[in-house]
Amino acid sequence: MIVNDYYFNNEKIAILINDINSNLKVYKTKDNPDFDYYFKSQSAGGITLQDMYLLKIMNAQKIISNNISIKIGFPFAPAILAGFLISVIYGDLMMLFIKKFFLVM
């Protein structure tokens, strides 16, 4: 799960998230006049267990709301591995057929 922009005004949240060296990063808002800060995931790896616990604790203490917008990420490693295996197997089979075809002629 990748946390999309979560807007807030409380400076304590910004200090708390910045002090914990996690995958969440706090930014100052420039385009939204209603809020001062927002946080979002730093990388496409999503949030870590530490980030999840931090969000749950802040929610339990009513610092943030229950609803946080997330972006669903697709892991590319399985698709790349599947493509590689298909190309190796299919390529090797084609080489066997080509060798057999040319040896017969």
N, C-alpha and C. Protein backbone atom coordinates (compact mmCIF):
# COMPACT_ATOMS: atom_id res chain seq x y z
N MET A 1 0.83 -1.17 0.00
CA MET A 1 0.00 0.00 0.00
C MET A 1 0.88 1.24 0.00
N ILE A 2 0.56 2.16 -0.83
CA ILE A 2 1.28 3.42 -0.94
C ILE A 2 0.34 4.52 -0.47
N VAL A 3 0.72 5.23 0.58
CA VAL A 3 -0.13 6.28 1.12
C VAL A 3 -0.12 7.47 0.16
N ASN A 4 -1.32 7.85 -0.25
CA ASN A 4 -1.47 9.03 -1.08
C ASN A 4 -1.46 10.25 -0.15
N ASP A 5 -1.53 11.43 -0.68
CA ASP A 5 -1.43 12.64 0.12
C ASP A 5 -2.50 12.68 1.22
N TYR A 6 -2.05 12.82 2.48
CA TYR A 6 -2.95 12.99 3.62
C TYR A 6 -2.67 14.37 4.20
N TYR A 7 -3.63 15.27 4.10
CA TYR A 7 -3.45 16.66 4.51
C TYR A 7 -3.83 16.84 5.97
N PHE A 8 -3.09 17.70 6.68
CA PHE A 8 -3.36 18.00 8.09
C PHE A 8 -2.76 19.34 8.45
N ASN A 9 -3.13 19.85 9.64
CA ASN A 9 -2.62 21.13 10.12
C ASN A 9 -1.76 21.02 11.37
N ASN A 10 -1.79 19.89 12.04
CA ASN A 10 -1.12 19.72 13.32
C ASN A 10 0.40 19.57 13.13
N GLU A 11 1.16 20.47 13.71
CA GLU A 11 2.61 20.41 13.57
C GLU A 11 3.21 19.24 14.36
N LYS A 12 2.50 18.77 15.38
CA LYS A 12 2.98 17.63 16.17
C LYS A 12 3.08 16.36 15.32
N ILE A 13 2.13 16.20 14.40
CA ILE A 13 2.17 15.04 13.50
C ILE A 13 3.40 15.13 12.60
N ALA A 14 3.69 16.32 12.10
CA ALA A 14 4.85 16.50 11.23
C ALA A 14 6.14 16.16 11.97
N ILE A 15 6.25 16.60 13.22
CA ILE A 15 7.45 16.30 14.02
C ILE A 15 7.53 14.82 14.32
N LEU A 16 6.40 14.21 14.67
CA LEU A 16 6.37 12.78 15.00
C LEU A 16 6.80 11.92 13.82
N ILE A 17 6.27 12.20 12.65
CA ILE A 17 6.61 11.40 11.47
C ILE A 17 8.06 11.64 11.04
N ASN A 18 8.54 12.87 11.12
CA ASN A 18 9.92 13.15 10.74
C ASN A 18 10.93 12.57 11.72
N ASP A 19 10.56 12.45 12.99
CA ASP A 19 11.49 11.90 13.99
C ASP A 19 11.70 10.41 13.83
N ILE A 20 10.72 9.71 13.29
CA ILE A 20 10.82 8.25 13.18
C ILE A 20 11.47 7.88 11.88
N ASN A 21 12.25 8.25 11.25
CA ASN A 21 12.94 7.83 10.03
C ASN A 21 12.22 6.65 9.35
N SER A 22 11.08 6.94 8.76
CA SER A 22 10.27 5.88 8.13
C SER A 22 10.08 6.19 6.65
N ASN A 23 9.20 5.43 6.03
CA ASN A 23 8.94 5.60 4.61
C ASN A 23 7.96 6.74 4.35
N LEU A 24 7.31 7.24 5.41
CA LEU A 24 6.42 8.38 5.26
C LEU A 24 7.23 9.67 5.36
N LYS A 25 6.89 10.64 4.54
CA LYS A 25 7.59 11.92 4.56
C LYS A 25 6.58 13.05 4.58
N VAL A 26 6.88 14.06 5.40
CA VAL A 26 5.99 15.21 5.54
C VAL A 26 6.48 16.34 4.64
N TYR A 27 5.53 16.97 3.95
CA TYR A 27 5.83 18.09 3.06
C TYR A 27 4.96 19.28 3.47
N LYS A 28 5.43 20.48 3.18
CA LYS A 28 4.61 21.68 3.37
C LYS A 28 3.70 21.84 2.16
N THR A 29 2.45 22.24 2.42
CA THR A 29 1.48 22.40 1.34
C THR A 29 1.67 23.75 0.66
N LYS A 30 1.65 23.72 -0.65
CA LYS A 30 1.75 24.97 -1.42
C LYS A 30 0.47 25.28 -2.17
N ASP A 31 -0.25 24.24 -2.59
CA ASP A 31 -1.42 24.47 -3.44
C ASP A 31 -2.75 24.36 -2.70
N ASN A 32 -2.76 23.95 -1.43
CA ASN A 32 -4.00 23.79 -0.67
C ASN A 32 -4.00 24.77 0.50
N PRO A 33 -4.78 25.85 0.43
CA PRO A 33 -4.73 26.86 1.49
C PRO A 33 -5.38 26.42 2.80
N ASP A 34 -6.17 25.34 2.79
CA ASP A 34 -6.85 24.89 4.00
C ASP A 34 -5.93 24.13 4.95
N PHE A 35 -4.84 23.57 4.43
CA PHE A 35 -3.95 22.74 5.25
C PHE A 35 -2.52 23.25 5.15
N ASP A 36 -1.75 22.97 6.21
CA ASP A 36 -0.35 23.41 6.25
C ASP A 36 0.61 22.32 5.78
N TYR A 37 0.29 21.06 6.08
CA TYR A 37 1.20 19.94 5.79
C TYR A 37 0.44 18.80 5.13
N TYR A 38 1.20 17.90 4.54
CA TYR A 38 0.67 16.62 4.10
C TYR A 38 1.79 15.60 4.15
N PHE A 39 1.42 14.32 4.32
CA PHE A 39 2.42 13.26 4.26
C PHE A 39 2.01 12.24 3.23
N LYS A 40 3.00 11.56 2.71
CA LYS A 40 2.77 10.51 1.72
C LYS A 40 3.95 9.55 1.76
N SER A 41 3.81 8.41 1.09
CA SER A 41 4.88 7.42 1.04
C SER A 41 6.05 7.95 0.23
N GLN A 42 7.23 7.69 0.71
CA GLN A 42 8.44 8.17 0.06
C GLN A 42 8.78 7.37 -1.20
N SER A 43 8.55 6.07 -1.17
CA SER A 43 8.95 5.22 -2.30
C SER A 43 7.78 4.35 -2.74
N ALA A 44 7.99 3.67 -3.84
CA ALA A 44 6.95 2.78 -4.37
C ALA A 44 6.88 1.48 -3.60
N GLY A 45 7.77 1.29 -2.65
CA GLY A 45 7.75 0.08 -1.82
C GLY A 45 6.58 0.06 -0.86
N GLY A 46 5.92 1.18 -0.66
CA GLY A 46 4.78 1.25 0.23
C GLY A 46 5.20 1.51 1.66
N ILE A 47 4.26 1.29 2.57
CA ILE A 47 4.55 1.54 3.97
C ILE A 47 5.07 0.28 4.64
N THR A 48 5.89 0.48 5.66
CA THR A 48 6.46 -0.63 6.41
C THR A 48 5.56 -0.94 7.60
N LEU A 49 5.90 -1.99 8.34
CA LEU A 49 5.14 -2.31 9.55
C LEU A 49 5.25 -1.19 10.57
N GLN A 50 6.41 -0.57 10.66
CA GLN A 50 6.59 0.55 11.59
C GLN A 50 5.66 1.70 11.22
N ASP A 51 5.53 1.98 9.93
CA ASP A 51 4.62 3.03 9.48
C ASP A 51 3.17 2.66 9.79
N MET A 52 2.83 1.40 9.61
CA MET A 52 1.47 0.94 9.89
C MET A 52 1.15 1.11 11.37
N TYR A 53 2.08 0.73 12.24
CA TYR A 53 1.86 0.89 13.68
C TYR A 53 1.72 2.37 14.05
N LEU A 54 2.54 3.22 13.45
CA LEU A 54 2.46 4.65 13.70
C LEU A 54 1.09 5.20 13.30
N LEU A 55 0.60 4.81 12.14
CA LEU A 55 -0.71 5.26 11.69
C LEU A 55 -1.83 4.75 12.59
N LYS A 56 -1.72 3.50 13.05
CA LYS A 56 -2.73 2.94 13.95
C LYS A 56 -2.73 3.66 15.30
N ILE A 57 -1.56 3.97 15.81
CA ILE A 57 -1.47 4.68 17.09
C ILE A 57 -2.04 6.09 16.96
N MET A 58 -1.70 6.78 15.88
CA MET A 58 -2.23 8.13 15.68
C MET A 58 -3.75 8.10 15.50
N ASN A 59 -4.27 7.05 14.88
CA ASN A 59 -5.71 6.91 14.71
C ASN A 59 -6.37 6.61 16.06
N ALA A 60 -5.77 5.75 16.87
CA ALA A 60 -6.34 5.41 18.17
C ALA A 60 -6.38 6.62 19.09
N GLN A 61 -5.42 7.51 18.95
CA GLN A 61 -5.37 8.72 19.78
C GLN A 61 -6.15 9.87 19.15
N LYS A 62 -6.88 9.59 18.08
CA LYS A 62 -7.71 10.56 17.36
C LYS A 62 -6.89 11.74 16.82
N ILE A 63 -5.65 11.48 16.44
CA ILE A 63 -4.82 12.51 15.83
C ILE A 63 -5.11 12.59 14.33
N ILE A 64 -5.33 11.44 13.71
CA ILE A 64 -5.71 11.39 12.30
C ILE A 64 -7.02 10.62 12.18
N SER A 65 -7.67 10.76 11.05
CA SER A 65 -8.97 10.10 10.85
C SER A 65 -8.79 8.63 10.44
N ASN A 66 -9.91 7.95 10.35
CA ASN A 66 -9.91 6.53 9.95
C ASN A 66 -9.60 6.34 8.48
N ASN A 67 -9.88 7.33 7.66
CA ASN A 67 -9.77 7.20 6.21
C ASN A 67 -8.48 7.82 5.70
N ILE A 68 -7.66 6.99 5.08
CA ILE A 68 -6.43 7.45 4.44
C ILE A 68 -6.46 6.94 3.01
N SER A 69 -6.22 7.82 2.08
CA SER A 69 -6.22 7.45 0.68
C SER A 69 -4.94 6.69 0.35
N ILE A 70 -5.09 5.53 -0.29
CA ILE A 70 -3.93 4.74 -0.69
C ILE A 70 -3.97 4.48 -2.18
N LYS A 71 -2.81 4.26 -2.74
CA LYS A 71 -2.69 3.85 -4.14
C LYS A 71 -2.25 2.40 -4.14
N ILE A 72 -2.87 1.61 -4.92
CA ILE A 72 -2.51 0.21 -5.02
C ILE A 72 -1.36 0.10 -6.02
N GLY A 73 -0.27 -0.48 -5.58
CA GLY A 73 0.88 -0.68 -6.45
C GLY A 73 0.94 -2.11 -6.96
N PHE A 74 1.45 -2.29 -8.13
CA PHE A 74 1.60 -3.62 -8.71
C PHE A 74 3.07 -4.01 -8.67
N PRO A 75 3.40 -5.12 -8.02
CA PRO A 75 4.80 -5.55 -8.00
C PRO A 75 5.22 -6.06 -9.37
N PHE A 76 6.27 -5.49 -9.92
CA PHE A 76 6.70 -5.84 -11.26
C PHE A 76 7.62 -7.05 -11.31
N ALA A 77 8.22 -7.41 -10.20
CA ALA A 77 9.17 -8.53 -10.20
C ALA A 77 8.52 -9.84 -10.65
N PRO A 78 7.33 -10.23 -10.17
CA PRO A 78 6.74 -11.49 -10.65
C PRO A 78 6.45 -11.48 -12.15
N ALA A 79 6.00 -10.33 -12.68
CA ALA A 79 5.72 -10.26 -14.11
C ALA A 79 7.01 -10.36 -14.93
N ILE A 80 8.06 -9.73 -14.47
CA ILE A 80 9.34 -9.81 -15.18
C ILE A 80 9.88 -11.23 -15.13
N LEU A 81 9.78 -11.89 -13.97
CA LEU A 81 10.24 -13.28 -13.84
C LEU A 81 9.44 -14.20 -14.76
N ALA A 82 8.12 -14.02 -14.80
CA ALA A 82 7.30 -14.86 -15.67
C ALA A 82 7.67 -14.66 -17.13
N GLY A 83 7.89 -13.42 -17.54
CA GLY A 83 8.30 -13.15 -18.92
C GLY A 83 9.64 -13.77 -19.25
N PHE A 84 10.57 -13.69 -18.30
CA PHE A 84 11.88 -14.29 -18.51
C PHE A 84 11.79 -15.81 -18.66
N LEU A 85 11.02 -16.45 -17.77
CA LEU A 85 10.88 -17.91 -17.86
C LEU A 85 10.20 -18.33 -19.15
N ILE A 86 9.19 -17.61 -19.57
CA ILE A 86 8.50 -17.94 -20.83
C ILE A 86 9.46 -17.79 -22.00
N SER A 87 10.24 -16.71 -21.99
CA SER A 87 11.16 -16.52 -23.12
C SER A 87 12.26 -17.57 -23.14
N VAL A 88 12.75 -17.99 -21.99
CA VAL A 88 13.78 -19.03 -21.96
C VAL A 88 13.22 -20.36 -22.42
N ILE A 89 12.07 -20.74 -21.90
CA ILE A 89 11.47 -22.04 -22.27
C ILE A 89 11.06 -22.04 -23.74
N TYR A 90 10.36 -21.00 -24.17
CA TYR A 90 9.90 -20.92 -25.55
C TYR A 90 11.09 -20.80 -26.51
N GLY A 91 12.09 -20.02 -26.13
CA GLY A 91 13.27 -19.87 -26.98
C GLY A 91 14.04 -21.18 -27.12
N ASP A 92 14.17 -21.93 -26.03
CA ASP A 92 14.87 -23.21 -26.09
C ASP A 92 14.09 -24.23 -26.93
N LEU A 93 12.78 -24.22 -26.81
CA LEU A 93 11.97 -25.13 -27.62
C LEU A 93 12.10 -24.79 -29.11
N MET A 94 12.11 -23.52 -29.43
CA MET A 94 12.26 -23.10 -30.82
C MET A 94 13.62 -23.52 -31.36
N MET A 95 14.66 -23.41 -30.53
CA MET A 95 15.99 -23.82 -30.98
C MET A 95 16.04 -25.33 -31.25
N LEU A 96 15.34 -26.11 -30.43
CA LEU A 96 15.30 -27.56 -30.67
C LEU A 96 14.59 -27.88 -31.98
N PHE A 97 13.47 -27.21 -32.25
CA PHE A 97 12.75 -27.44 -33.50
C PHE A 97 13.56 -27.00 -34.70
N ILE A 98 14.27 -25.89 -34.60
CA ILE A 98 15.07 -25.40 -35.72
C ILE A 98 16.23 -26.35 -36.00
N LYS A 99 16.89 -26.84 -34.96
CA LYS A 99 18.00 -27.79 -35.15
C LYS A 99 17.49 -29.07 -35.79
N LYS A 100 16.34 -29.56 -35.31
CA LYS A 100 15.79 -30.79 -35.86
C LYS A 100 15.38 -30.59 -37.32
N PHE A 101 14.80 -29.46 -37.65
CA PHE A 101 14.37 -29.17 -39.01
C PHE A 101 15.56 -29.07 -39.96
N PHE A 102 16.63 -28.39 -39.53
CA PHE A 102 17.79 -28.22 -40.41
C PHE A 102 18.62 -29.48 -40.51
N LEU A 103 18.61 -30.33 -39.49
CA LEU A 103 19.36 -31.58 -39.56
C LEU A 103 18.69 -32.57 -40.51
N VAL A 104 17.37 -32.49 -40.62
CA VAL A 104 16.65 -33.39 -41.52
C VAL A 104 16.93 -33.00 -42.97
N MET A 105 17.04 -31.74 -43.28
CA MET A 105 17.25 -31.30 -44.65
C MET A 105 18.65 -31.49 -44.99
